[in-house]
PDB file of N, CA and C in Angstrom:
ATOM      1  N   UNK A   1     -33.745 174.646  28.712  1.00  0.00           N
ATOM      2  CA  UNK A   1     -33.588 174.303  27.288  1.00  0.00           C
ATOM      3  C   UNK A   1     -32.954 176.136  26.843  1.00  0.00           C
ATOM      4  N   UNK A   2     -31.968 175.573  25.735  1.00  0.00           N
ATOM      5  CA  UNK A   2     -31.422 176.495  25.133  1.00  0.00           C
ATOM      6  C   UNK A   2     -32.510 176.691  24.035  1.00  0.00           C
ATOM      7  N   UNK A   3     -31.922 177.927  23.251  1.00  0.00           N
ATOM      8  CA  UNK A   3     -32.662 178.894  22.190  1.00  0.00           C
ATOM      9  C   UNK A   3     -31.250 179.613  21.532  1.00  0.00           C
ATOM     10  N   UNK A   4     -31.168 178.907  20.293  1.00  0.00           N
ATOM     11  CA  UNK A   4     -30.122 178.884  19.260  1.00  0.00           C
ATOM     12  C   UNK A   4     -30.179 180.058  18.154  1.00  0.00           C
ATOM     13  N   UNK A   5     -29.660 181.436  18.112  1.00  0.00           N
ATOM     14  CA  UNK A   5     -30.596 182.668  17.783  1.00  0.00           C
ATOM     15  C   UNK A   5     -29.433 183.560  17.445  1.00  0.00           C
ATOM     16  N   UNK A   6     -29.644 184.621  16.128  1.00  0.00           N
ATOM     17  CA  UNK A   6     -28.698 185.223  15.579  1.00  0.00           C
ATOM     18  C   UNK A   6     -29.408 187.179  15.081  1.00  0.00           C
ATOM     19  N   UNK A   7     -30.985 186.620  15.380  1.00  0.00           N
ATOM     20  CA  UNK A   7     -31.491 187.821  14.518  1.00  0.00           C
ATOM     21  C   UNK A   7     -32.050 188.600  16.242  1.00  0.00           C
ATOM     22  N   UNK A   8     -31.607 189.475  16.511  1.00  0.00           N
ATOM     23  CA  UNK A   8     -31.935 190.047  17.706  1.00  0.00           C
ATOM     24  C   UNK A   8     -33.975 190.263  17.754  1.00  0.00           C
ATOM     25  N   UNK A   9     -34.558 190.434  16.708  1.00  0.00           N
ATOM     26  CA  UNK A   9     -35.763 190.567  16.511  1.00  0.00           C
ATOM     27  C   UNK A   9     -36.449 188.974  16.828  1.00  0.00           C
ATOM     28  N   UNK A  10     -35.467 188.071  17.112  1.00  0.00           N
ATOM     29  CA  UNK A  10     -36.221 186.645  17.307  1.00  0.00           C
ATOM     30  C   UNK A  10     -35.632 185.782  18.287  1.00  0.00           C
ATOM     31  N   UNK A  11     -35.093 187.089  19.230  1.00  0.00           N
ATOM     32  CA  UNK A  11     -34.298 185.994  20.257  1.00  0.00           C
ATOM     33  C   UNK A  11     -35.088 184.971  21.290  1.00  0.00           C
ATOM     34  N   UNK A  12     -36.859 185.692  21.465  1.00  0.00           N
ATOM     35  CA  UNK A  12     -37.255 184.178  22.055  1.00  0.00           C
ATOM     36  C   UNK A  12     -37.837 183.519  20.604  1.00  0.00           C
ATOM     37  N   UNK A  13     -37.971 182.530  20.856  1.00  0.00           N
ATOM     38  CA  UNK A  13     -39.129 181.440  20.035  1.00  0.00           C
ATOM     39  C   UNK A  13     -39.702 180.336  20.639  1.00  0.00           C
ATOM     40  N   UNK A  14     -40.276 179.656  19.090  1.00  0.00           N
ATOM     41  CA  UNK A  14     -40.864 178.570  19.650  1.00  0.00           C
ATOM     42  C   UNK A  14     -39.977 177.278  20.111  1.00  0.00           C
ATOM     43  N   UNK A  15     -38.881 177.400  19.065  1.00  0.00           N
ATOM     44  CA  UNK A  15     -38.195 176.313  19.114  1.00  0.00           C
ATOM     45  C   UNK A  15     -36.861 176.234  20.112  1.00  0.00           C
ATOM     46  N   UNK A  16     -36.531 175.214  21.106  1.00  0.00           N
ATOM     47  CA  UNK A  16     -35.322 175.098  21.644  1.00  0.00           C
ATOM     48  C   UNK A  16     -34.479 173.778  21.921  1.00  0.00           C
ATOM     49  N   UNK A  17     -33.758 173.783  22.516  1.00  0.00           N
ATOM     50  CA  UNK A  17     -33.345 172.011  22.874  1.00  0.00           C
ATOM     51  C   UNK A  17     -32.488 171.671  24.453  1.00  0.00           C
ATOM     52  N   UNK A  18     -32.214 170.859  24.396  1.00  0.00           N
ATOM     53  CA  UNK A  18     -31.647 170.289  25.447  1.00  0.00           C
ATOM     54  C   UNK A  18     -30.640 170.574  25.247  1.00  0.00           C
ATOM     55  N   UNK A  19     -29.583 170.563  24.684  1.00  0.00           N
ATOM     56  CA  UNK A  19     -27.851 170.977  24.533  1.00  0.00           C
ATOM     57  C   UNK A  19     -27.945 172.377  24.545  1.00  0.00           C
ATOM     58  N   UNK A  20     -27.293 172.405  25.790  1.00  0.00           N
ATOM     59  CA  UNK A  20     -26.393 173.755  25.644  1.00  0.00           C
ATOM     60  C   UNK A  20     -25.428 174.237  25.553  1.00  0.00           C
ATOM     61  N   UNK A  21     -24.808 173.359  25.236  1.00  0.00           N
ATOM     62  CA  UNK A  21     -23.233 173.392  24.934  1.00  0.00           C
ATOM     63  C   UNK A  21     -22.919 173.048  23.730  1.00  0.00           C
ATOM     64  N   UNK A  22     -23.804 173.406  22.090  1.00  0.00           N
ATOM     65  CA  UNK A  22     -23.250 173.310  20.932  1.00  0.00           C
ATOM     66  C   UNK A  22     -22.613 174.855  20.873  1.00  0.00           C
ATOM     67  N   UNK A  23     -21.770 174.964  19.824  1.00  0.00           N
ATOM     68  CA  UNK A  23     -20.953 175.934  19.065  1.00  0.00           C
ATOM     69  C   UNK A  23     -21.835 176.051  18.104  1.00  0.00           C
ATOM     70  N   UNK A  24     -21.682 177.142  17.348  1.00  0.00           N
ATOM     71  CA  UNK A  24     -22.535 177.945  16.201  1.00  0.00           C
ATOM     72  C   UNK A  24     -22.955 176.898  15.757  1.00  0.00           C
ATOM     73  N   UNK A  25     -21.564 176.486  14.491  1.00  0.00           N
ATOM     74  CA  UNK A  25     -21.248 175.651  13.678  1.00  0.00           C
ATOM     75  C   UNK A  25     -22.182 174.352  14.151  1.00  0.00           C
ATOM     76  N   UNK A  26     -21.743 173.484  15.183  1.00  0.00           N
ATOM     77  CA  UNK A  26     -22.813 172.123  15.314  1.00  0.00           C
ATOM     78  C   UNK A  26     -24.221 172.656  15.509  1.00  0.00           C
ATOM     79  N   UNK A  27     -24.312 173.644  15.978  1.00  0.00           N
ATOM     80  CA  UNK A  27     -26.333 174.309  16.234  1.00  0.00           C
ATOM     81  C   UNK A  27     -26.674 173.956  15.037  1.00  0.00           C
ATOM     82  N   UNK A  28     -26.273 174.742  14.007  1.00  0.00           N
ATOM     83  CA  UNK A  28     -26.435 174.858  12.715  1.00  0.00           C
ATOM     84  C   UNK A  28     -26.698 173.620  11.932  1.00  0.00           C
ATOM     85  N   UNK A  29     -25.688 172.837  12.069  1.00  0.00           N
ATOM     86  CA  UNK A  29     -25.741 171.736  11.799  1.00  0.00           C
ATOM     87  C   UNK A  29     -27.141 170.352  11.975  1.00  0.00           C
ATOM     88  N   UNK A  30     -26.305 170.122  13.926  1.00  0.00           N
ATOM     89  CA  UNK A  30     -27.703 169.339  14.668  1.00  0.00           C
ATOM     90  C   UNK A  30     -28.796 169.843  14.650  1.00  0.00           C
ATOM     91  N   UNK A  31     -29.155 170.745  14.467  1.00  0.00           N
ATOM     92  CA  UNK A  31     -30.584 171.418  14.985  1.00  0.00           C
ATOM     93  C   UNK A  31     -30.837 172.004  13.417  1.00  0.00           C
ATOM     94  N   UNK A  32     -30.560 171.655  12.259  1.00  0.00           N
ATOM     95  CA  UNK A  32     -30.833 172.438  11.065  1.00  0.00           C
ATOM     96  C   UNK A  32     -31.283 173.758  11.123  1.00  0.00           C
ATOM     97  N   UNK A  33     -30.868 174.426  11.201  1.00  0.00           N
ATOM     98  CA  UNK A  33     -31.298 175.917  11.584  1.00  0.00           C
ATOM     99  C   UNK A  33     -31.028 175.976  10.052  1.00  0.00           C
ATOM    100  N   UNK A  34     -32.063 177.361  10.350  1.00  0.00           N
ATOM    101  CA  UNK A  34     -32.492 177.998   8.448  1.00  0.00           C
ATOM    102  C   UNK A  34     -30.799 178.796   7.610  1.00  0.00           C
ATOM    103  N   UNK A  35     -30.946 178.885   6.675  1.00  0.00           N
ATOM    104  CA  UNK A  35     -29.787 180.122   6.601  1.00  0.00           C
ATOM    105  C   UNK A  35     -29.715 180.756   7.210  1.00  0.00           C
ATOM    106  N   UNK A  36     -30.596 181.899   7.615  1.00  0.00           N
ATOM    107  CA  UNK A  36     -30.448 183.127   8.998  1.00  0.00           C
ATOM    108  C   UNK A  36     -30.497 183.146   9.605  1.00  0.00           C
ATOM    109  N   UNK A  37     -30.282 181.695  10.170  1.00  0.00           N
ATOM    110  CA  UNK A  37     -29.765 181.555  11.675  1.00  0.00           C
ATOM    111  C   UNK A  37     -28.565 181.452  11.911  1.00  0.00           C
ATOM    112  N   UNK A  38     -27.426 182.166  12.039  1.00  0.00           N
ATOM    113  CA  UNK A  38     -26.029 181.713  12.121  1.00  0.00           C
ATOM    114  C   UNK A  38     -25.675 181.312  13.721  1.00  0.00           C
ATOM    115  N   UNK A  39     -26.571 181.068  14.342  1.00  0.00           N
ATOM    116  CA  UNK A  39     -26.643 180.687  15.926  1.00  0.00           C
ATOM    117  C   UNK A  39     -25.300 181.125  16.941  1.00  0.00           C
ATOM    118  N   UNK A  40     -24.856 182.604  16.656  1.00  0.00           N
ATOM    119  CA  UNK A  40     -24.236 183.437  16.782  1.00  0.00           C
ATOM    120  C   UNK A  40     -24.645 183.886  18.871  1.00  0.00           C
ATOM    121  N   UNK A  41     -25.611 183.321  19.213  1.00  0.00           N
ATOM    122  CA  UNK A  41     -26.021 183.609  20.046  1.00  0.00           C
ATOM    123  C   UNK A  41     -27.154 182.403  20.945  1.00  0.00           C
ATOM    124  N   UNK A  42     -26.880 182.172  22.504  1.00  0.00           N
ATOM    125  CA  UNK A  42     -27.793 181.285  22.648  1.00  0.00           C
ATOM    126  C   UNK A  42     -28.139 182.199  24.089  1.00  0.00           C
ATOM    127  N   UNK A  43     -29.860 181.922  24.283  1.00  0.00           N
ATOM    128  CA  UNK A  43     -30.527 182.155  25.317  1.00  0.00           C
ATOM    129  C   UNK A  43     -30.873 180.816  26.075  1.00  0.00           C
ATOM    130  N   UNK A  44     -31.112 180.781  27.262  1.00  0.00           N
ATOM    131  CA  UNK A  44     -31.356 179.612  27.968  1.00  0.00           C
ATOM    132  C   UNK A  44     -32.892 180.218  29.180  1.00  0.00           C
ATOM    133  N   UNK A  45     -33.581 178.553  28.633  1.00  0.00           N
ATOM    134  CA  UNK A  45     -34.646 179.335  29.502  1.00  0.00           C
ATOM    135  C   UNK A  45     -35.414 177.811  30.344  1.00  0.00           C
ATOM    136  N   UNK A  46     -36.131 178.083  31.026  1.00  0.00           N
ATOM    137  CA  UNK A  46     -36.802 177.154  31.819  1.00  0.00           C
ATOM    138  C   UNK A  46     -38.297 176.918  31.612  1.00  0.00           C
ATOM    139  N   UNK A  47     -39.010 176.210  30.971  1.00  0.00           N
ATOM    140  CA  UNK A  47     -40.302 176.052  30.541  1.00  0.00           C
ATOM    141  C   UNK A  47     -40.866 175.058  31.596  1.00  0.00           C
ATOM    142  N   UNK A  48     -41.923 175.877  32.690  1.00  0.00           N
ATOM    143  CA  UNK A  48     -42.678 175.845  33.418  1.00  0.00           C
ATOM    144  C   UNK A  48     -43.435 174.580  33.487  1.00  0.00           C
ATOM    145  N   UNK A  49     -43.752 173.900  34.568  1.00  0.00           N
ATOM    146  CA  UNK A  49     -44.575 172.688  34.492  1.00  0.00           C
ATOM    147  C   UNK A  49     -45.916 172.810  34.222  1.00  0.00           C
ATOM    148  N   UNK A  50     -46.019 171.840  33.374  1.00  0.00           N
ATOM    149  CA  UNK A  50     -48.024 172.110  33.097  1.00  0.00           C
ATOM    150  C   UNK A  50     -47.814 172.236  32.055  1.00  0.00           C
ATOM    151  N   UNK A  51     -46.603 172.930  31.122  1.00  0.00           N
ATOM    152  CA  UNK A  51     -47.210 173.653  29.781  1.00  0.00           C
ATOM    153  C   UNK A  51     -46.599 172.682  28.659  1.00  0.00           C
ATOM    154  N   UNK A  52     -47.636 172.561  27.986  1.00  0.00           N
ATOM    155  CA  UNK A  52     -47.462 171.695  26.454  1.00  0.00           C
ATOM    156  C   UNK A  52     -46.250 172.052  25.801  1.00  0.00           C
ATOM    157  N   UNK A  53     -45.680 170.792  25.484  1.00  0.00           N
ATOM    158  CA  UNK A  53     -44.589 170.631  24.325  1.00  0.00           C
ATOM    159  C   UNK A  53     -44.266 169.710  23.728  1.00  0.00           C
ATOM    160  N   UNK A  54     -43.773 169.601  22.297  1.00  0.00           N
ATOM    161  CA  UNK A  54     -43.834 169.201  21.811  1.00  0.00           C
ATOM    162  C   UNK A  54     -42.352 168.973  21.748  1.00  0.00           C
ATOM    163  N   UNK A  55     -42.014 167.476  21.543  1.00  0.00           N
ATOM    164  CA  UNK A  55     -40.087 166.778  21.396  1.00  0.00           C
ATOM    165  C   UNK A  55     -40.385 166.144  19.976  1.00  0.00           C
ATOM    166  N   UNK A  56     -39.538 166.373  19.189  1.00  0.00           N
ATOM    167  CA  UNK A  56     -39.210 165.139  18.244  1.00  0.00           C
ATOM    168  C   UNK A  56     -37.822 165.600  17.865  1.00  0.00           C
ATOM    169  N   UNK A  57     -37.065 164.877  16.741  1.00  0.00           N
ATOM    170  CA  UNK A  57     -36.064 164.414  16.523  1.00  0.00           C
ATOM    171  C   UNK A  57     -35.414 165.703  14.873  1.00  0.00           C
ATOM    172  N   UNK A  58     -34.938 166.054  15.206  1.00  0.00           N
ATOM    173  CA  UNK A  58     -33.961 166.983  13.853  1.00  0.00           C
ATOM    174  C   UNK A  58     -34.075 166.585  12.730  1.00  0.00           C
ATOM    175  N   UNK A  59     -34.728 166.429  11.491  1.00  0.00           N
ATOM    176  CA  UNK A  59     -34.802 165.330  10.476  1.00  0.00           C
ATOM    177  C   UNK A  59     -33.639 166.683   9.720  1.00  0.00           C
ATOM    178  N   UNK A  60     -32.853 165.926   8.978  1.00  0.00           N
ATOM    179  CA  UNK A  60     -31.919 166.390   8.230  1.00  0.00           C
ATOM    180  C   UNK A  60     -32.615 167.614   6.939  1.00  0.00           C
ATOM    181  N   UNK A  61     -32.158 168.645   6.515  1.00  0.00           N
ATOM    182  CA  UNK A  61     -32.656 169.654   5.437  1.00  0.00           C
ATOM    183  C   UNK A  61     -32.205 169.875   4.216  1.00  0.00           C
ATOM    184  N   UNK A  62     -30.841 169.161   3.803  1.00  0.00           N
ATOM    185  CA  UNK A  62     -30.319 169.514   2.872  1.00  0.00           C
ATOM    186  C   UNK A  62     -30.672 169.592   1.559  1.00  0.00           C
ATOM    187  N   UNK A  63     -31.685 169.196   1.402  1.00  0.00           N
ATOM    188  CA  UNK A  63     -32.556 168.938   0.418  1.00  0.00           C
ATOM    189  C   UNK A  63     -33.492 169.551  -0.144  1.00  0.00           C
ATOM    190  N   UNK A  64     -33.600 171.178   0.967  1.00  0.00           N
ATOM    191  CA  UNK A  64     -34.335 172.378   0.686  1.00  0.00           C
ATOM    192  C   UNK A  64     -32.872 173.330   0.518  1.00  0.00           C
ATOM    193  N   UNK A  65     -32.585 173.840  -0.624  1.00  0.00           N
ATOM    194  CA  UNK A  65     -31.462 174.332  -0.406  1.00  0.00           C
ATOM    195  C   UNK A  65     -31.936 176.100  -0.497  1.00  0.00           C
ATOM    196  N   UNK A  66     -33.288 176.143  -0.560  1.00  0.00           N
ATOM    197  CA  UNK A  66     -33.514 177.219  -0.678  1.00  0.00           C
ATOM    198  C   UNK A  66     -33.535 177.697   0.756  1.00  0.00           C
ATOM    199  N   UNK A  67     -34.105 177.227   1.531  1.00  0.00           N
ATOM    200  CA  UNK A  67     -33.810 177.814   3.014  1.00  0.00           C
ATOM    201  C   UNK A  67     -32.914 177.107   3.542  1.00  0.00           C
ATOM    202  N   UNK A  68     -31.869 176.280   3.376  1.00  0.00           N
ATOM    203  CA  UNK A  68     -30.986 175.489   4.414  1.00  0.00           C
ATOM    204  C   UNK A  68     -29.943 175.059   3.370  1.00  0.00           C
ATOM    205  N   UNK A  69     -29.278 175.210   3.908  1.00  0.00           N
ATOM    206  CA  UNK A  69     -27.542 174.811   3.143  1.00  0.00           C
ATOM    207  C   UNK A  69     -27.095 173.466   3.306  1.00  0.00           C
ATOM    208  N   UNK A  70     -26.410 172.632   3.339  1.00  0.00           N
ATOM    209  CA  UNK A  70     -26.109 171.429   2.889  1.00  0.00           C
ATOM    210  C   UNK A  70     -25.177 170.849   4.132  1.00  0.00           C
ATOM    211  N   UNK A  71     -24.937 172.160   5.376  1.00  0.00           N
ATOM    212  CA  UNK A  71     -24.322 171.799   6.695  1.00  0.00           C
ATOM    213  C   UNK A  71     -25.826 171.042   7.294  1.00  0.00           C
ATOM    214  N   UNK A  72     -27.013 171.545   7.322  1.00  0.00           N
ATOM    215  CA  UNK A  72     -28.152 171.290   7.753  1.00  0.00           C
ATOM    216  C   UNK A  72     -28.573 169.619   7.896  1.00  0.00           C
ATOM    217  N   UNK A  73     -27.529 168.764   8.872  1.00  0.00           N
ATOM    218  CA  UNK A  73     -27.879 166.969   8.460  1.00  0.00           C
ATOM    219  C   UNK A  73     -28.640 166.358   9.911  1.00  0.00           C
ATOM    220  N   UNK A  74     -29.192 167.662  10.694  1.00  0.00           N
ATOM    221  CA  UNK A  74     -30.135 166.782  11.862  1.00  0.00           C
ATOM    222  C   UNK A  74     -29.659 166.160  12.614  1.00  0.00           C
ATOM    223  N   UNK A  75     -30.445 165.303  13.162  1.00  0.00           N
ATOM    224  CA  UNK A  75     -29.966 164.415  14.074  1.00  0.00           C
ATOM    225  C   UNK A  75     -30.363 165.086  15.773  1.00  0.00           C
ATOM    226  N   UNK A  76     -30.196 165.946  15.952  1.00  0.00           N
ATOM    227  CA  UNK A  76     -30.363 166.730  17.185  1.00  0.00           C
ATOM    228  C   UNK A  76     -32.088 166.380  17.551  1.00  0.00           C
ATOM    229  N   UNK A  77     -32.227 166.670  19.148  1.00  0.00           N
ATOM    230  CA  UNK A  77     -33.472 166.394  19.264  1.00  0.00           C
ATOM    231  C   UNK A  77     -34.138 168.520  19.898  1.00  0.00           C
ATOM    232  N   UNK A  78     -35.368 168.605  18.986  1.00  0.00           N
ATOM    233  CA  UNK A  78     -36.035 170.308  19.676  1.00  0.00           C
ATOM    234  C   UNK A  78     -37.112 169.949  20.310  1.00  0.00           C
ATOM    235  N   UNK A  79     -37.797 171.104  20.931  1.00  0.00           N
ATOM    236  CA  UNK A  79     -38.628 170.869  21.716  1.00  0.00           C
ATOM    237  C   UNK A  79     -39.777 171.814  20.849  1.00  0.00           C
ATOM    238  N   UNK A  80     -40.680 172.200  20.876  1.00  0.00           N
ATOM    239  CA  UNK A  80     -41.186 173.414  20.322  1.00  0.00           C
ATOM    240  C   UNK A  80     -42.117 173.555  21.376  1.00  0.00           C
ATOM    241  N   UNK A  81     -42.674 174.640  21.057  1.00  0.00           N
ATOM    242  CA  UNK A  81     -43.220 175.205  22.874  1.00  0.00           C
ATOM    243  C   UNK A  81     -44.352 176.185  21.973  1.00  0.00           C
ATOM    244  N   UNK A  82     -45.378 175.687  22.270  1.00  0.00           N
ATOM    245  CA  UNK A  82     -46.781 176.587  21.366  1.00  0.00           C
ATOM    246  C   UNK A  82     -46.619 177.616  22.426  1.00  0.00           C
ATOM    247  N   UNK A  83     -46.787 178.566  23.462  1.00  0.00           N
ATOM    248  CA  UNK A  83     -47.122 179.564  23.822  1.00  0.00           C
ATOM    249  C   UNK A  83     -45.369 179.773  24.673  1.00  0.00           C
ATOM    250  N   UNK A  84     -44.724 180.847  23.900  1.00  0.00           N
ATOM    251  CA  UNK A  84     -43.473 181.291  24.681  1.00  0.00           C
ATOM    252  C   UNK A  84     -43.633 182.387  25.272  1.00  0.00           C
ATOM    253  N   UNK A  85     -44.530 182.638  25.653  1.00  0.00           N
ATOM    254  CA  UNK A  85     -44.707 183.651  26.671  1.00  0.00           C
ATOM    255  C   UNK A  85     -44.654 182.997  27.910  1.00  0.00           C
ATOM    256  N   UNK A  86     -44.866 181.644  28.456  1.00  0.00           N
ATOM    257  CA  UNK A  86     -44.404 181.118  29.391  1.00  0.00           C
ATOM    258  C   UNK A  86     -43.083 180.958  29.787  1.00  0.00           C
ATOM    259  N   UNK A  87     -42.155 180.806  29.015  1.00  0.00           N
ATOM    260  CA  UNK A  87     -40.833 180.541  29.193  1.00  0.00           C
ATOM    261  C   UNK A  87     -40.295 181.473  30.100  1.00  0.00           C
ATOM    262  N   UNK A  88     -39.327 181.181  31.069  1.00  0.00           N
ATOM    263  CA  UNK A  88     -38.366 181.907  31.866  1.00  0.00           C
ATOM    264  C   UNK A  88     -36.853 181.940  31.874  1.00  0.00           C
ATOM    265  N   UNK A  89     -36.644 183.306  31.431  1.00  0.00           N
ATOM    266  CA  UNK A  89     -35.277 183.086  31.191  1.00  0.00           C
ATOM    267  C   UNK A  89     -34.757 183.128  32.078  1.00  0.00           C
ATOM    268  N   UNK A  90     -33.463 181.876  31.936  1.00  0.00           N
ATOM    269  CA  UNK A  90     -32.352 182.083  33.117  1.00  0.00           C
ATOM    270  C   UNK A  90     -31.097 183.181  32.706  1.00  0.00           C
ATOM    271  N   UNK A  91     -31.029 184.014  33.868  1.00  0.00           N
ATOM    272  CA  UNK A  91     -29.676 184.966  34.104  1.00  0.00           C
ATOM    273  C   UNK A  91     -28.940 184.610  34.265  1.00  0.00           C
TER     274      UNK A  91
END
């Protein structure tokens, strides 16, 4: 799994994607990332077997101009991890 991020304080978070190959622009659009996430960095993780995850389609967020720009088209898949302490970083 891959997490796209730009804020050093939020390197690890609850949302990851199956797409490790996205450019920052594509990650922002496909994953409908908030304005403050420039997706300039990515971290890869393994989710250990037995953990609860929620998988869903990313919806367009272009109607919420306050948090998202017109780029946030959605269309990708993201995984929500309730307990991020279970994630194992890939180095």
